[in-house]
């Protein structure tokens, strides 16, 4: 009888410059551990090395969304199944110690045993481009808020003539007026304070222009990628982009709407014990997607009569408003999952 080829499962401990790869056969026997560079040539060498032991069935990669993104794209392009592997258990690592080869072997065993089930995101389509633009906008908004808070702090301790000039103004007015200040060339407290306020104001104006430029590109991309999702009540380009990024370019990897709700942190977790049966709040999942679901619910509470009726009914049944909103987030997750553009994003 012909000898069947070995079925190989790989595990990868990813790093910035070098990936450490382990190979197991179908019986869990360690075939070898090797290191490869994080370059296209290194990715090809990794796959050749794994295939030298037999037919590659599955590869578990730690950090498919960070250091392992390039290798993940290469493996998926070669029709190799890739699963996301969580970092090793800290208690087990404390007992056994830590090494890159051991982490790679642990990743391979997690993939082979089924402990790691999450299929990796492809990160090769429009959603990946949206994710990058979201990162730029989030950091820009964070820097804008930090600069505005610094302006308010300076105004609160500024000389009286400046404090009176900016007393009771909104943030927009503060930035607009401070950008027109003329500090002069003196080194006294008033002149230096004016210079600081003007510098921060002009920084905020530049950041606003940067945010507008990013949104002018990102919003049409979101509407083109998921028109049905954006058309839902309370779902704008901002919320839709967060939900699309959570699902990835290949949302078909999510088995059902329960998986998507768990991914968004909107699925309550069972906390029953003995005769007591209860569920607790899920604090895990993608927090940006969870925040998007919360904004959708808040918008519908104001503008959607059905949502208002549901909130009032559940509060009459004894739930608090916060608990009723958690139920609504779960329902919104189910609705969003049905409108994820699976085929267009493939």
C-alpha atoms as a PDB file:
ATOM      1  CA  UNK A   1       0.000   0.000   0.000  1.00  0.00           C
ATOM      2  CA  UNK A   2       1.291   3.488  -0.768  1.00  0.00           C
ATOM      3  CA  UNK A   3       2.502   5.495   2.208  1.00  0.00           C
ATOM      4  CA  UNK A   4       0.307   8.483   2.956  1.00  0.00           C
ATOM      5  CA  UNK A   5       2.133  11.790   3.395  1.00  0.00           C
ATOM      6  CA  UNK A   6       2.397  13.221   6.870  1.00  0.00           C
ATOM      7  CA  UNK A   7      -0.158  15.876   7.792  1.00  0.00           C
ATOM      8  CA  UNK A   8       1.761  18.800   9.257  1.00  0.00           C
ATOM      9  CA  UNK A   9       0.559  21.465  11.681  1.00  0.00           C
ATOM     10  CA  UNK A  10       2.748  24.524  12.101  1.00  0.00           C
ATOM     11  CA  UNK A  11       3.099  26.994  14.933  1.00  0.00           C
ATOM     12  CA  UNK A  12       4.703  30.423  14.693  1.00  0.00           C
ATOM     13  CA  UNK A  13       6.019  32.697  17.428  1.00  0.00           C
ATOM     14  CA  UNK A  14       6.184  36.058  15.658  1.00  0.00           C
ATOM     15  CA  UNK A  15       8.673  38.881  16.175  1.00  0.00           C
ATOM     16  CA  UNK A  16       9.702  42.047  14.369  1.00  0.00           C
ATOM     17  CA  UNK A  17      12.702  40.649  12.459  1.00  0.00           C
ATOM     18  CA  UNK A  18      12.545  36.858  12.920  1.00  0.00           C
ATOM     19  CA  UNK A  19       9.725  34.312  13.181  1.00  0.00           C
ATOM     20  CA  UNK A  20      10.300  31.033  15.032  1.00  0.00           C
ATOM     21  CA  UNK A  21       8.399  28.136  13.435  1.00  0.00           C
ATOM     22  CA  UNK A  22       7.632  24.662  14.805  1.00  0.00           C
ATOM     23  CA  UNK A  23       6.236  21.660  12.899  1.00  0.00           C
ATOM     24  CA  UNK A  24       4.179  18.762  14.299  1.00  0.00           C
ATOM     25  CA  UNK A  25       2.937  15.660  12.500  1.00  0.00           C
ATOM     26  CA  UNK A  26      -0.609  14.287  12.830  1.00  0.00           C
ATOM     27  CA  UNK A  27       0.403  12.383  15.978  1.00  0.00           C
ATOM     28  CA  UNK A  28       1.771  15.477  17.673  1.00  0.00           C
ATOM     29  CA  UNK A  29       5.411  14.464  17.202  1.00  0.00           C
ATOM     30  CA  UNK A  30       7.761  17.437  16.962  1.00  0.00           C
ATOM     31  CA  UNK A  31       9.402  17.408  13.534  1.00  0.00           C
ATOM     32  CA  UNK A  32      11.597  20.461  14.012  1.00  0.00           C
ATOM     33  CA  UNK A  33      11.958  24.106  15.007  1.00  0.00           C
ATOM     34  CA  UNK A  34      13.529  26.749  12.775  1.00  0.00           C
ATOM     35  CA  UNK A  35      13.835  30.547  12.521  1.00  0.00           C
ATOM     36  CA  UNK A  36      13.085  32.601   9.401  1.00  0.00           C
ATOM     37  CA  UNK A  37      13.354  36.269   8.524  1.00  0.00           C
ATOM     38  CA  UNK A  38      10.251  38.451   8.260  1.00  0.00           C
ATOM     39  CA  UNK A  39      10.663  39.127   4.539  1.00  0.00           C
ATOM     40  CA  UNK A  40       8.871  37.760   1.462  1.00  0.00           C
ATOM     41  CA  UNK A  41      11.823  35.425   0.912  1.00  0.00           C
ATOM     42  CA  UNK A  42      11.584  34.340   4.557  1.00  0.00           C
ATOM     43  CA  UNK A  43       7.855  33.626   4.189  1.00  0.00           C
ATOM     44  CA  UNK A  44       8.533  31.430   1.140  1.00  0.00           C
ATOM     45  CA  UNK A  45      11.321  29.640   2.990  1.00  0.00           C
ATOM     46  CA  UNK A  46       8.980  29.047   5.942  1.00  0.00           C
ATOM     47  CA  UNK A  47       6.409  27.316   3.766  1.00  0.00           C
ATOM     48  CA  UNK A  48       9.051  25.277   1.926  1.00  0.00           C
ATOM     49  CA  UNK A  49      10.446  24.102   5.260  1.00  0.00           C
ATOM     50  CA  UNK A  50       7.019  23.070   6.562  1.00  0.00           C
ATOM     51  CA  UNK A  51       6.209  21.260   3.300  1.00  0.00           C
ATOM     52  CA  UNK A  52       9.484  19.336   3.502  1.00  0.00           C
ATOM     53  CA  UNK A  53       7.907  17.286   6.317  1.00  0.00           C
ATOM     54  CA  UNK A  54       4.629  16.557   4.542  1.00  0.00           C
ATOM     55  CA  UNK A  55       1.300  18.135   3.590  1.00  0.00           C
ATOM     56  CA  UNK A  56       0.683  21.343   5.557  1.00  0.00           C
ATOM     57  CA  UNK A  57      -2.867  21.293   6.959  1.00  0.00           C
ATOM     58  CA  UNK A  58      -2.938  24.171   9.415  1.00  0.00           C
ATOM     59  CA  UNK A  59      -0.694  26.873  10.859  1.00  0.00           C
ATOM     60  CA  UNK A  60      -1.260  28.608  14.179  1.00  0.00           C
ATOM     61  CA  UNK A  61       0.189  32.113  14.227  1.00  0.00           C
ATOM     62  CA  UNK A  62       0.555  34.260  17.327  1.00  0.00           C
ATOM     63  CA  UNK A  63      -0.207  37.873  16.431  1.00  0.00           C
ATOM     64  CA  UNK A  64      -1.838  37.630  12.987  1.00  0.00           C
ATOM     65  CA  UNK A  65      -2.813  41.295  13.270  1.00  0.00           C
ATOM     66  CA  UNK A  66       0.641  42.615  14.197  1.00  0.00           C
ATOM     67  CA  UNK A  67       4.043  41.011  13.599  1.00  0.00           C
ATOM     68  CA  UNK A  68       2.458  37.991  11.928  1.00  0.00           C
ATOM     69  CA  UNK A  69       0.336  39.909   9.417  1.00  0.00           C
ATOM     70  CA  UNK A  70       2.751  39.499   6.491  1.00  0.00           C
ATOM     71  CA  UNK A  71       3.248  35.771   7.038  1.00  0.00           C
ATOM     72  CA  UNK A  72      -0.510  35.299   7.463  1.00  0.00           C
ATOM     73  CA  UNK A  73      -1.224  36.982   4.127  1.00  0.00           C
ATOM     74  CA  UNK A  74       1.379  34.789   2.425  1.00  0.00           C
ATOM     75  CA  UNK A  75       0.012  31.557   3.901  1.00  0.00           C
ATOM     76  CA  UNK A  76      -3.584  32.432   3.036  1.00  0.00           C
ATOM     77  CA  UNK A  77      -2.451  33.301  -0.483  1.00  0.00           C
ATOM     78  CA  UNK A  78      -1.048  29.757  -0.730  1.00  0.00           C
ATOM     79  CA  UNK A  79      -4.398  28.281   0.435  1.00  0.00           C
ATOM     80  CA  UNK A  80      -3.030  27.299   3.856  1.00  0.00           C
ATOM     81  CA  UNK A  81      -5.522  27.528   6.738  1.00  0.00           C
ATOM     82  CA  UNK A  82      -4.329  29.928   9.456  1.00  0.00           C
ATOM     83  CA  UNK A  83      -5.746  30.338  12.965  1.00  0.00           C
ATOM     84  CA  UNK A  84      -5.040  33.047  15.525  1.00  0.00           C
ATOM     85  CA  UNK A  85      -3.230  31.755  18.616  1.00  0.00           C
ATOM     86  CA  UNK A  86      -3.463  33.600  21.918  1.00  0.00           C
ATOM     87  CA  UNK A  87      -0.348  34.223  23.950  1.00  0.00           C
ATOM     88  CA  UNK A  88       0.728  31.267  26.144  1.00  0.00           C
ATOM     89  CA  UNK A  89      -0.867  30.736  29.534  1.00  0.00           C
ATOM     90  CA  UNK A  90       1.077  32.774  32.084  1.00  0.00           C
ATOM     91  CA  UNK A  91       0.854  30.170  34.855  1.00  0.00           C
ATOM     92  CA  UNK A  92       2.140  27.456  32.565  1.00  0.00           C
ATOM     93  CA  UNK A  93       4.894  29.751  31.287  1.00  0.00           C
ATOM     94  CA  UNK A  94       5.923  30.568  34.858  1.00  0.00           C
ATOM     95  CA  UNK A  95       6.387  26.870  35.606  1.00  0.00           C
ATOM     96  CA  UNK A  96       8.153  25.903  32.387  1.00  0.00           C
ATOM     97  CA  UNK A  97      10.005  29.112  31.594  1.00  0.00           C
ATOM     98  CA  UNK A  98       9.874  31.054  28.345  1.00  0.00           C
ATOM     99  CA  UNK A  99      11.680  30.604  25.057  1.00  0.00           C
ATOM    100  CA  UNK A 100      10.797  31.359  21.461  1.00  0.00           C
ATOM    101  CA  UNK A 101      11.015  27.707  20.319  1.00  0.00           C
ATOM    102  CA  UNK A 102       8.753  26.640  23.181  1.00  0.00           C
ATOM    103  CA  UNK A 103       6.239  29.366  22.294  1.00  0.00           C
ATOM    104  CA  UNK A 104       6.223  28.168  18.674  1.00  0.00           C
ATOM    105  CA  UNK A 105       5.624  24.566  19.774  1.00  0.00           C
ATOM    106  CA  UNK A 106       2.820  25.727  22.083  1.00  0.00           C
ATOM    107  CA  UNK A 107       1.221  27.608  19.180  1.00  0.00           C
ATOM    108  CA  UNK A 108       1.364  24.497  17.007  1.00  0.00           C
ATOM    109  CA  UNK A 109      -0.196  22.315  19.721  1.00  0.00           C
ATOM    110  CA  UNK A 110      -2.957  24.889  20.319  1.00  0.00           C
ATOM    111  CA  UNK A 111      -3.809  24.847  16.621  1.00  0.00           C
ATOM    112  CA  UNK A 112      -3.691  21.059  16.378  1.00  0.00           C
ATOM    113  CA  UNK A 113      -5.771  20.416  19.501  1.00  0.00           C
ATOM    114  CA  UNK A 114      -8.485  22.894  18.567  1.00  0.00           C
ATOM    115  CA  UNK A 115      -7.818  25.298  21.431  1.00  0.00           C
ATOM    116  CA  UNK A 116      -7.183  27.941  18.764  1.00  0.00           C
ATOM    117  CA  UNK A 117     -10.228  28.087  16.505  1.00  0.00           C
ATOM    118  CA  UNK A 118     -10.365  31.700  15.315  1.00  0.00           C
ATOM    119  CA  UNK A 119      -9.603  31.966  11.614  1.00  0.00           C
ATOM    120  CA  UNK A 120      -7.202  34.789  10.821  1.00  0.00           C
ATOM    121  CA  UNK A 121      -8.288  37.951   9.042  1.00  0.00           C
ATOM    122  CA  UNK A 122      -7.025  38.199   5.482  1.00  0.00           C
ATOM    123  CA  UNK A 123      -6.154  41.923   5.775  1.00  0.00           C
ATOM    124  CA  UNK A 124      -5.925  42.360   2.019  1.00  0.00           C
ATOM    125  CA  UNK A 125      -9.049  44.318   1.072  1.00  0.00           C
ATOM    126  CA  UNK A 126     -10.910  47.567   1.589  1.00  0.00           C
ATOM    127  CA  UNK A 127     -11.535  46.907   5.287  1.00  0.00           C
ATOM    128  CA  UNK A 128      -7.796  46.837   5.967  1.00  0.00           C
ATOM    129  CA  UNK A 129      -7.505  50.234   4.266  1.00  0.00           C
ATOM    130  CA  UNK A 130     -10.373  51.512   6.433  1.00  0.00           C
ATOM    131  CA  UNK A 131      -8.634  50.176   9.551  1.00  0.00           C
ATOM    132  CA  UNK A 132      -5.449  52.106   8.750  1.00  0.00           C
ATOM    133  CA  UNK A 133      -7.405  55.317   8.197  1.00  0.00           C
ATOM    134  CA  UNK A 134      -9.263  54.784  11.484  1.00  0.00           C
ATOM    135  CA  UNK A 135      -5.949  54.516  13.311  1.00  0.00           C
ATOM    136  CA  UNK A 136      -4.868  57.872  11.898  1.00  0.00           C
ATOM    137  CA  UNK A 137      -8.149  59.535  12.801  1.00  0.00           C
ATOM    138  CA  UNK A 138      -8.261  58.096  16.328  1.00  0.00           C
ATOM    139  CA  UNK A 139      -4.735  59.279  17.093  1.00  0.00           C
ATOM    140  CA  UNK A 140      -5.511  62.703  15.593  1.00  0.00           C
ATOM    141  CA  UNK A 141      -8.625  63.083  17.754  1.00  0.00           C
ATOM    142  CA  UNK A 142      -6.666  62.013  20.828  1.00  0.00           C
ATOM    143  CA  UNK A 143      -3.994  64.627  20.128  1.00  0.00           C
ATOM    144  CA  UNK A 144      -6.657  67.269  19.505  1.00  0.00           C
ATOM    145  CA  UNK A 145      -8.346  66.602  22.832  1.00  0.00           C
ATOM    146  CA  UNK A 146      -4.994  66.662  24.617  1.00  0.00           C
ATOM    147  CA  UNK A 147      -4.085  70.016  23.061  1.00  0.00           C
ATOM    148  CA  UNK A 148      -7.497  71.509  23.883  1.00  0.00           C
ATOM    149  CA  UNK A 149      -7.210  70.368  27.502  1.00  0.00           C
ATOM    150  CA  UNK A 150      -3.777  71.980  27.678  1.00  0.00           C
ATOM    151  CA  UNK A 151      -5.249  75.241  26.388  1.00  0.00           C
ATOM    152  CA  UNK A 152      -7.970  75.216  29.034  1.00  0.00           C
ATOM    153  CA  UNK A 153      -5.382  74.495  31.712  1.00  0.00           C
ATOM    154  CA  UNK A 154      -3.233  77.421  30.575  1.00  0.00           C
ATOM    155  CA  UNK A 155      -6.227  79.768  30.491  1.00  0.00           C
ATOM    156  CA  UNK A 156      -7.233  78.786  34.035  1.00  0.00           C
ATOM    157  CA  UNK A 157      -3.858  79.927  35.388  1.00  0.00           C
ATOM    158  CA  UNK A 158      -3.200  82.792  32.945  1.00  0.00           C
ATOM    159  CA  UNK A 159      -2.948  86.483  33.971  1.00  0.00           C
ATOM    160  CA  UNK A 160      -6.294  88.135  34.612  1.00  0.00           C
ATOM    161  CA  UNK A 161      -6.435  90.055  31.325  1.00  0.00           C
ATOM    162  CA  UNK A 162      -6.170  86.772  29.359  1.00  0.00           C
ATOM    163  CA  UNK A 163      -8.554  84.916  31.654  1.00  0.00           C
ATOM    164  CA  UNK A 164     -11.216  87.579  31.113  1.00  0.00           C
ATOM    165  CA  UNK A 165     -10.639  87.460  27.368  1.00  0.00           C
ATOM    166  CA  UNK A 166     -11.424  83.731  27.242  1.00  0.00           C
ATOM    167  CA  UNK A 167     -13.908  83.418  30.091  1.00  0.00           C
ATOM    168  CA  UNK A 168     -17.063  81.442  29.249  1.00  0.00           C
ATOM    169  CA  UNK A 169     -16.105  80.635  25.635  1.00  0.00           C
ATOM    170  CA  UNK A 170     -16.650  77.255  23.981  1.00  0.00           C
ATOM    171  CA  UNK A 171     -13.806  75.084  22.788  1.00  0.00           C
ATOM    172  CA  UNK A 172     -14.332  76.152  19.175  1.00  0.00           C
ATOM    173  CA  UNK A 173     -14.323  79.831  20.127  1.00  0.00           C
ATOM    174  CA  UNK A 174     -11.242  79.364  22.299  1.00  0.00           C
ATOM    175  CA  UNK A 175      -9.295  77.860  19.399  1.00  0.00           C
ATOM    176  CA  UNK A 176     -10.504  80.473  16.935  1.00  0.00           C
ATOM    177  CA  UNK A 177      -9.595  83.448  19.158  1.00  0.00           C
ATOM    178  CA  UNK A 178      -6.299  82.033  20.413  1.00  0.00           C
ATOM    179  CA  UNK A 179      -5.096  81.405  16.864  1.00  0.00           C
ATOM    180  CA  UNK A 180      -5.246  85.173  16.240  1.00  0.00           C
ATOM    181  CA  UNK A 181      -3.228  86.220  19.294  1.00  0.00           C
ATOM    182  CA  UNK A 182      -0.151  88.389  18.782  1.00  0.00           C
ATOM    183  CA  UNK A 183       2.330  87.575  21.560  1.00  0.00           C
ATOM    184  CA  UNK A 184       5.039  90.035  20.585  1.00  0.00           C
ATOM    185  CA  UNK A 185       8.735  89.508  21.174  1.00  0.00           C
ATOM    186  CA  UNK A 186       8.827  90.089  24.926  1.00  0.00           C
ATOM    187  CA  UNK A 187       9.577  87.431  27.490  1.00  0.00           C
ATOM    188  CA  UNK A 188       7.023  88.408  30.117  1.00  0.00           C
ATOM    189  CA  UNK A 189       4.330  86.035  31.335  1.00  0.00           C
ATOM    190  CA  UNK A 190       1.530  87.545  29.239  1.00  0.00           C
ATOM    191  CA  UNK A 191       3.468  87.363  25.963  1.00  0.00           C
ATOM    192  CA  UNK A 192       4.717  83.818  26.553  1.00  0.00           C
ATOM    193  CA  UNK A 193       1.226  82.661  27.543  1.00  0.00           C
ATOM    194  CA  UNK A 194      -0.181  84.140  24.345  1.00  0.00           C
ATOM    195  CA  UNK A 195       2.489  82.334  22.351  1.00  0.00           C
ATOM    196  CA  UNK A 196       1.637  79.024  24.018  1.00  0.00           C
ATOM    197  CA  UNK A 197      -2.089  79.450  23.391  1.00  0.00           C
ATOM    198  CA  UNK A 198      -1.562  80.442  19.770  1.00  0.00           C
ATOM    199  CA  UNK A 199       0.759  77.470  19.149  1.00  0.00           C
ATOM    200  CA  UNK A 200      -1.744  75.005  20.602  1.00  0.00           C
ATOM    201  CA  UNK A 201      -4.642  76.611  18.713  1.00  0.00           C
ATOM    202  CA  UNK A 202      -2.857  76.379  15.385  1.00  0.00           C
ATOM    203  CA  UNK A 203      -1.940  72.784  16.172  1.00  0.00           C
ATOM    204  CA  UNK A 204      -5.630  71.992  16.714  1.00  0.00           C
ATOM    205  CA  UNK A 205      -6.576  73.704  13.447  1.00  0.00           C
ATOM    206  CA  UNK A 206      -3.977  71.617  11.604  1.00  0.00           C
ATOM    207  CA  UNK A 207      -5.302  68.446  13.238  1.00  0.00           C
ATOM    208  CA  UNK A 208      -8.870  69.369  12.229  1.00  0.00           C
ATOM    209  CA  UNK A 209      -7.726  69.676   8.628  1.00  0.00           C
ATOM    210  CA  UNK A 210      -5.987  66.310   8.897  1.00  0.00           C
ATOM    211  CA  UNK A 211      -9.138  64.657  10.284  1.00  0.00           C
ATOM    212  CA  UNK A 212     -11.276  66.185   7.526  1.00  0.00           C
ATOM    213  CA  UNK A 213      -8.858  64.907   4.879  1.00  0.00           C
ATOM    214  CA  UNK A 214      -8.922  61.376   6.305  1.00  0.00           C
ATOM    215  CA  UNK A 215     -12.721  61.312   6.636  1.00  0.00           C
ATOM    216  CA  UNK A 216     -13.144  62.564   3.044  1.00  0.00           C
ATOM    217  CA  UNK A 217     -11.362  59.397   1.919  1.00  0.00           C
ATOM    218  CA  UNK A 218     -12.662  56.948   4.519  1.00  0.00           C
ATOM    219  CA  UNK A 219     -16.408  57.684   4.503  1.00  0.00           C
ATOM    220  CA  UNK A 220     -16.906  56.985   0.757  1.00  0.00           C
ATOM    221  CA  UNK A 221     -14.884  53.781   1.181  1.00  0.00           C
ATOM    222  CA  UNK A 222     -17.186  52.641   3.998  1.00  0.00           C
ATOM    223  CA  UNK A 223     -20.339  53.477   2.023  1.00  0.00           C
ATOM    224  CA  UNK A 224     -19.019  51.631  -1.033  1.00  0.00           C
ATOM    225  CA  UNK A 225     -17.936  48.585   0.979  1.00  0.00           C
ATOM    226  CA  UNK A 226     -21.120  48.220   3.061  1.00  0.00           C
ATOM    227  CA  UNK A 227     -24.057  50.237   1.668  1.00  0.00           C
ATOM    228  CA  UNK A 228     -26.652  48.012   3.371  1.00  0.00           C
ATOM    229  CA  UNK A 229     -24.926  48.388   6.731  1.00  0.00           C
ATOM    230  CA  UNK A 230     -24.717  52.180   6.490  1.00  0.00           C
ATOM    231  CA  UNK A 231     -28.403  52.296   5.529  1.00  0.00           C
ATOM    232  CA  UNK A 232     -29.485  50.822   8.883  1.00  0.00           C
ATOM    233  CA  UNK A 233     -31.055  53.188  11.405  1.00  0.00           C
ATOM    234  CA  UNK A 234     -28.416  54.790  13.617  1.00  0.00           C
ATOM    235  CA  UNK A 235     -25.473  53.350  11.654  1.00  0.00           C
ATOM    236  CA  UNK A 236     -23.319  56.039  10.094  1.00  0.00           C
ATOM    237  CA  UNK A 237     -19.910  55.719   8.419  1.00  0.00           C
ATOM    238  CA  UNK A 238     -18.124  56.000  11.773  1.00  0.00           C
ATOM    239  CA  UNK A 239     -20.007  53.151  13.470  1.00  0.00           C
ATOM    240  CA  UNK A 240     -20.000  51.078  10.288  1.00  0.00           C
ATOM    241  CA  UNK A 241     -16.227  51.385   9.944  1.00  0.00           C
ATOM    242  CA  UNK A 242     -15.681  50.128  13.510  1.00  0.00           C
ATOM    243  CA  UNK A 243     -17.958  47.123  12.918  1.00  0.00           C
ATOM    244  CA  UNK A 244     -16.359  46.323   9.566  1.00  0.00           C
ATOM    245  CA  UNK A 245     -12.874  46.417  11.064  1.00  0.00           C
ATOM    246  CA  UNK A 246     -13.983  44.038  13.830  1.00  0.00           C
ATOM    247  CA  UNK A 247     -15.350  41.564  11.254  1.00  0.00           C
ATOM    248  CA  UNK A 248     -12.390  41.937   8.868  1.00  0.00           C
ATOM    249  CA  UNK A 249     -12.123  41.511   5.117  1.00  0.00           C
ATOM    250  CA  UNK A 250     -13.365  37.916   5.433  1.00  0.00           C
ATOM    251  CA  UNK A 251     -16.403  38.012   7.761  1.00  0.00           C
ATOM    252  CA  UNK A 252     -17.337  34.528   6.557  1.00  0.00           C
ATOM    253  CA  UNK A 253     -14.800  33.301   9.126  1.00  0.00           C
ATOM    254  CA  UNK A 254     -17.441  34.184  11.767  1.00  0.00           C
ATOM    255  CA  UNK A 255     -19.598  31.083  12.026  1.00  0.00           C
ATOM    256  CA  UNK A 256     -22.835  32.769  13.130  1.00  0.00           C
ATOM    257  CA  UNK A 257     -24.274  35.907  14.700  1.00  0.00           C
ATOM    258  CA  UNK A 258     -23.477  34.601  18.194  1.00  0.00           C
ATOM    259  CA  UNK A 259     -19.796  34.569  17.284  1.00  0.00           C
ATOM    260  CA  UNK A 260     -20.013  38.149  16.037  1.00  0.00           C
ATOM    261  CA  UNK A 261     -21.832  39.287  19.186  1.00  0.00           C
ATOM    262  CA  UNK A 262     -19.133  37.667  21.323  1.00  0.00           C
ATOM    263  CA  UNK A 263     -16.457  39.335  19.196  1.00  0.00           C
ATOM    264  CA  UNK A 264     -18.091  42.711  19.893  1.00  0.00           C
ATOM    265  CA  UNK A 265     -18.415  42.028  23.626  1.00  0.00           C
ATOM    266  CA  UNK A 266     -22.209  42.136  23.366  1.00  0.00           C
ATOM    267  CA  UNK A 267     -22.898  38.512  24.339  1.00  0.00           C
ATOM    268  CA  UNK A 268     -23.537  37.999  28.082  1.00  0.00           C
ATOM    269  CA  UNK A 269     -21.400  35.333  29.726  1.00  0.00           C
ATOM    270  CA  UNK A 270     -22.867  32.482  31.766  1.00  0.00           C
ATOM    271  CA  UNK A 271     -22.000  32.893  35.461  1.00  0.00           C
ATOM    272  CA  UNK A 272     -24.334  30.243  36.917  1.00  0.00           C
ATOM    273  CA  UNK A 273     -23.347  28.205  39.947  1.00  0.00           C
ATOM    274  CA  UNK A 274     -25.403  25.543  41.696  1.00  0.00           C
ATOM    275  CA  UNK A 275     -29.033  26.607  41.911  1.00  0.00           C
ATOM    276  CA  UNK A 276     -28.244  30.164  40.904  1.00  0.00           C
ATOM    277  CA  UNK A 277     -28.571  30.849  37.196  1.00  0.00           C
ATOM    278  CA  UNK A 278     -27.402  34.198  35.920  1.00  0.00           C
ATOM    279  CA  UNK A 279     -25.335  35.899  33.221  1.00  0.00           C
ATOM    280  CA  UNK A 280     -22.758  38.605  33.685  1.00  0.00           C
ATOM    281  CA  UNK A 281     -21.551  41.473  31.529  1.00  0.00           C
ATOM    282  CA  UNK A 282     -18.973  40.603  28.879  1.00  0.00           C
ATOM    283  CA  UNK A 283     -16.052  43.018  29.251  1.00  0.00           C
ATOM    284  CA  UNK A 284     -14.020  41.393  26.488  1.00  0.00           C
ATOM    285  CA  UNK A 285     -14.203  41.611  22.727  1.00  0.00           C
ATOM    286  CA  UNK A 286     -13.444  44.498  20.413  1.00  0.00           C
ATOM    287  CA  UNK A 287     -14.150  47.579  22.508  1.00  0.00           C
ATOM    288  CA  UNK A 288     -14.398  49.928  19.530  1.00  0.00           C
ATOM    289  CA  UNK A 289     -17.067  47.704  17.989  1.00  0.00           C
ATOM    290  CA  UNK A 290     -18.810  47.566  21.364  1.00  0.00           C
ATOM    291  CA  UNK A 291     -18.763  51.376  21.536  1.00  0.00           C
ATOM    292  CA  UNK A 292     -20.217  51.527  18.021  1.00  0.00           C
ATOM    293  CA  UNK A 293     -23.124  49.293  19.096  1.00  0.00           C
ATOM    294  CA  UNK A 294     -23.704  51.587  22.093  1.00  0.00           C
ATOM    295  CA  UNK A 295     -23.844  54.682  19.837  1.00  0.00           C
ATOM    296  CA  UNK A 296     -26.317  52.935  17.537  1.00  0.00           C
ATOM    297  CA  UNK A 297     -28.553  52.078  20.501  1.00  0.00           C
ATOM    298  CA  UNK A 298     -28.370  55.637  21.862  1.00  0.00           C
ATOM    299  CA  UNK A 299     -29.339  57.047  18.463  1.00  0.00           C
ATOM    300  CA  UNK A 300     -32.272  54.668  18.123  1.00  0.00           C
ATOM    301  CA  UNK A 301     -33.524  55.490  21.623  1.00  0.00           C
ATOM    302  CA  UNK A 302     -33.926  59.090  20.458  1.00  0.00           C
ATOM    303  CA  UNK A 303     -35.175  58.597  16.883  1.00  0.00           C
ATOM    304  CA  UNK A 304     -36.677  55.082  16.595  1.00  0.00           C
ATOM    305  CA  UNK A 305     -40.189  54.606  18.088  1.00  0.00           C
ATOM    306  CA  UNK A 306     -39.753  50.819  18.274  1.00  0.00           C
ATOM    307  CA  UNK A 307     -36.633  51.200  20.381  1.00  0.00           C
ATOM    308  CA  UNK A 308     -38.372  53.652  22.710  1.00  0.00           C
ATOM    309  CA  UNK A 309     -41.240  51.198  23.164  1.00  0.00           C
ATOM    310  CA  UNK A 310     -38.828  48.325  23.854  1.00  0.00           C
ATOM    311  CA  UNK A 311     -36.900  50.306  26.485  1.00  0.00           C
ATOM    312  CA  UNK A 312     -40.097  51.320  28.263  1.00  0.00           C
ATOM    313  CA  UNK A 313     -41.459  47.772  28.199  1.00  0.00           C
ATOM    314  CA  UNK A 314     -38.288  46.203  29.614  1.00  0.00           C
ATOM    315  CA  UNK A 315     -38.073  48.845  32.352  1.00  0.00           C
ATOM    316  CA  UNK A 316     -41.667  48.047  33.348  1.00  0.00           C
ATOM    317  CA  UNK A 317     -40.603  44.404  33.584  1.00  0.00           C
ATOM    318  CA  UNK A 318     -38.006  45.353  36.193  1.00  0.00           C
ATOM    319  CA  UNK A 319     -34.835  45.911  34.167  1.00  0.00           C
ATOM    320  CA  UNK A 320     -32.790  49.054  34.582  1.00  0.00           C
ATOM    321  CA  UNK A 321     -32.220  51.253  31.565  1.00  0.00           C
ATOM    322  CA  UNK A 322     -28.605  50.114  31.376  1.00  0.00           C
ATOM    323  CA  UNK A 323     -29.662  46.455  31.373  1.00  0.00           C
ATOM    324  CA  UNK A 324     -32.243  47.106  28.652  1.00  0.00           C
ATOM    325  CA  UNK A 325     -29.580  48.823  26.556  1.00  0.00           C
ATOM    326  CA  UNK A 326     -27.345  45.784  26.912  1.00  0.00           C
ATOM    327  CA  UNK A 327     -30.168  43.641  25.512  1.00  0.00           C
ATOM    328  CA  UNK A 328     -30.552  46.072  22.630  1.00  0.00           C
ATOM    329  CA  UNK A 329     -26.840  45.907  21.845  1.00  0.00           C
ATOM    330  CA  UNK A 330     -27.202  42.151  21.484  1.00  0.00           C
ATOM    331  CA  UNK A 331     -30.106  42.588  19.056  1.00  0.00           C
ATOM    332  CA  UNK A 332     -28.212  45.224  17.064  1.00  0.00           C
ATOM    333  CA  UNK A 333     -25.227  42.857  16.778  1.00  0.00           C
ATOM    334  CA  UNK A 334     -27.563  40.241  15.253  1.00  0.00           C
ATOM    335  CA  UNK A 335     -28.923  42.786  12.777  1.00  0.00           C
ATOM    336  CA  UNK A 336     -25.455  44.044  11.826  1.00  0.00           C
ATOM    337  CA  UNK A 337     -24.182  40.510  11.230  1.00  0.00           C
ATOM    338  CA  UNK A 338     -26.938  39.917   8.677  1.00  0.00           C
ATOM    339  CA  UNK A 339     -25.787  42.974   6.699  1.00  0.00           C
ATOM    340  CA  UNK A 340     -22.033  42.345   6.646  1.00  0.00           C
ATOM    341  CA  UNK A 341     -20.919  42.427   2.976  1.00  0.00           C
ATOM    342  CA  UNK A 342     -19.277  39.023   2.831  1.00  0.00           C
ATOM    343  CA  UNK A 343     -18.949  38.574  -0.919  1.00  0.00           C
ATOM    344  CA  UNK A 344     -17.915  42.115  -1.817  1.00  0.00           C
ATOM    345  CA  UNK A 345     -15.103  42.148   0.756  1.00  0.00           C
ATOM    346  CA  UNK A 346     -13.619  38.806  -0.272  1.00  0.00           C
END
